[in-house]
Protein backbone atom coordinates (compact mmCIF):
# COMPACT_ATOMS: atom_id res chain seq x y z
CA UNK A 1 0.00 0.00 0.00
CA UNK A 2 1.56 3.26 -1.08
CA UNK A 3 0.90 6.81 0.08
CA UNK A 4 -1.55 7.51 -2.77
CA UNK A 5 -3.66 4.48 -1.84
CA UNK A 6 -3.75 5.54 1.80
CA UNK A 7 -4.83 9.08 0.92
CA UNK A 8 -7.52 7.80 -1.44
CA UNK A 9 -8.92 5.33 1.10
CA UNK A 10 -8.93 7.89 3.95
CA UNK A 11 -11.41 10.03 1.99
CA UNK A 12 -13.86 7.24 1.18
CA UNK A 13 -16.77 6.18 3.40
CA UNK A 14 -17.16 2.80 1.74
CA UNK A 15 -14.55 0.65 0.06
CA UNK A 16 -14.67 -2.30 -2.32
CA UNK A 17 -13.27 -5.82 -2.05
CA UNK A 18 -9.91 -4.91 -3.59
CA UNK A 19 -9.35 -2.13 -1.05
CA UNK A 20 -10.36 -4.40 1.84
CA UNK A 21 -7.93 -7.06 0.61
CA UNK A 22 -5.16 -4.48 0.41
CA UNK A 23 -5.85 -3.16 3.93
CA UNK A 24 -6.06 -6.65 5.50
CA UNK A 25 -3.14 -7.95 3.39
CA UNK A 26 -5.04 -10.97 2.05
CA UNK A 27 -5.76 -12.17 -1.50
CA UNK A 28 -8.88 -10.70 -3.10
CA UNK A 29 -10.35 -14.22 -3.24
CA UNK A 30 -9.89 -14.51 0.52
CA UNK A 31 -12.47 -11.78 1.11
CA UNK A 32 -15.18 -14.10 -0.27
CA UNK A 33 -14.09 -16.74 2.26
CA UNK A 34 -14.21 -14.24 5.12
CA UNK A 35 -17.71 -13.15 4.10
CA UNK A 36 -18.86 -16.78 3.89
CA UNK A 37 -17.56 -17.46 7.41
CA UNK A 38 -19.15 -14.21 8.66
CA UNK A 39 -15.90 -12.56 9.67
CA UNK A 40 -16.68 -9.70 7.29
CA UNK A 41 -20.09 -8.27 6.46
CA UNK A 42 -20.72 -6.18 3.35
CA UNK A 43 -22.99 -3.15 3.47
CA UNK A 44 -26.58 -3.67 2.42
CA UNK A 45 -27.81 -6.95 0.95
CA UNK A 46 -25.79 -7.40 -2.24
CA UNK A 47 -26.89 -9.98 -4.81
CA UNK A 48 -24.55 -12.84 -5.64
CA UNK A 49 -22.95 -11.05 -8.60
CA UNK A 50 -23.07 -7.51 -7.21
CA UNK A 51 -20.14 -5.38 -6.08
CA UNK A 52 -19.65 -5.65 -2.33
CA UNK A 53 -19.02 -2.49 -0.35
CA UNK A 54 -17.66 -2.25 3.18
CA UNK A 55 -17.59 0.57 5.71
CA UNK A 56 -14.05 1.93 5.78
CA UNK A 57 -14.18 2.73 9.50
CA UNK A 58 -15.16 -0.86 10.33
CA UNK A 59 -12.40 -2.36 8.17
CA UNK A 60 -9.78 -0.02 9.62
CA UNK A 61 -10.91 -0.95 13.14
CA UNK A 62 -10.74 -4.67 12.30
CA UNK A 63 -7.26 -4.24 10.81
CA UNK A 64 -6.07 -3.07 14.23
CA UNK A 65 -7.85 -5.79 16.22
CA UNK A 66 -5.41 -8.58 17.05
CA UNK A 67 -8.15 -11.08 17.92
CA UNK A 68 -9.88 -10.50 14.58
CA UNK A 69 -6.58 -10.84 12.69
CA UNK A 70 -5.95 -14.13 14.49
CA UNK A 71 -9.42 -15.49 13.59
CA UNK A 72 -9.04 -14.26 10.01
CA UNK A 73 -5.66 -15.93 9.61
CA UNK A 74 -6.92 -19.24 11.03
CA UNK A 75 -9.99 -19.14 8.78
CA UNK A 76 -7.95 -18.52 5.62
CA UNK A 77 -5.32 -21.10 6.56
CA UNK A 78 -8.02 -23.73 7.08
CA UNK A 79 -9.78 -22.86 3.82
CA UNK A 80 -6.62 -23.00 1.70
CA UNK A 81 -5.38 -26.16 3.46
CA UNK A 82 -8.68 -27.94 2.73
CA UNK A 83 -8.82 -26.64 -0.82
CA UNK A 84 -5.28 -27.77 -1.54
CA UNK A 85 -5.88 -31.22 -0.06
CA UNK A 86 -8.98 -31.63 -2.29
CA UNK A 87 -6.91 -30.72 -5.34
CA UNK A 88 -4.28 -33.37 -4.67
CA UNK A 89 -4.90 -36.98 -5.59
CA UNK A 90 -2.65 -39.80 -4.44
CA UNK A 91 -0.27 -40.89 -7.16
CA UNK A 92 -0.19 -37.88 -9.48
CA UNK A 93 0.32 -35.11 -6.93
CA UNK A 94 -2.94 -33.46 -7.90
CA UNK A 95 -1.77 -32.64 -11.41
CA UNK A 96 -4.94 -33.93 -13.09
CA UNK A 97 -7.33 -31.78 -11.07
CA UNK A 98 -5.09 -28.74 -11.31
CA UNK A 99 -4.90 -29.10 -15.11
CA UNK A 100 -8.67 -29.40 -15.48
CA UNK A 101 -9.27 -26.36 -13.23
CA UNK A 102 -6.85 -24.15 -15.11
CA UNK A 103 -8.23 -25.28 -18.48
CA UNK A 104 -11.82 -24.41 -17.53
Foldseek 3Di string as FASTA:
>chain_A
DDPVLVVVLVVDQKDFLVNLCVLLVHDSVLVVQCVVVPLADFPDDDDPPDTTIHGSVVSNVLSPDPVSNVVSVVSVVVVVVVVCVVQQDPPPRSVVSVVVVVVD
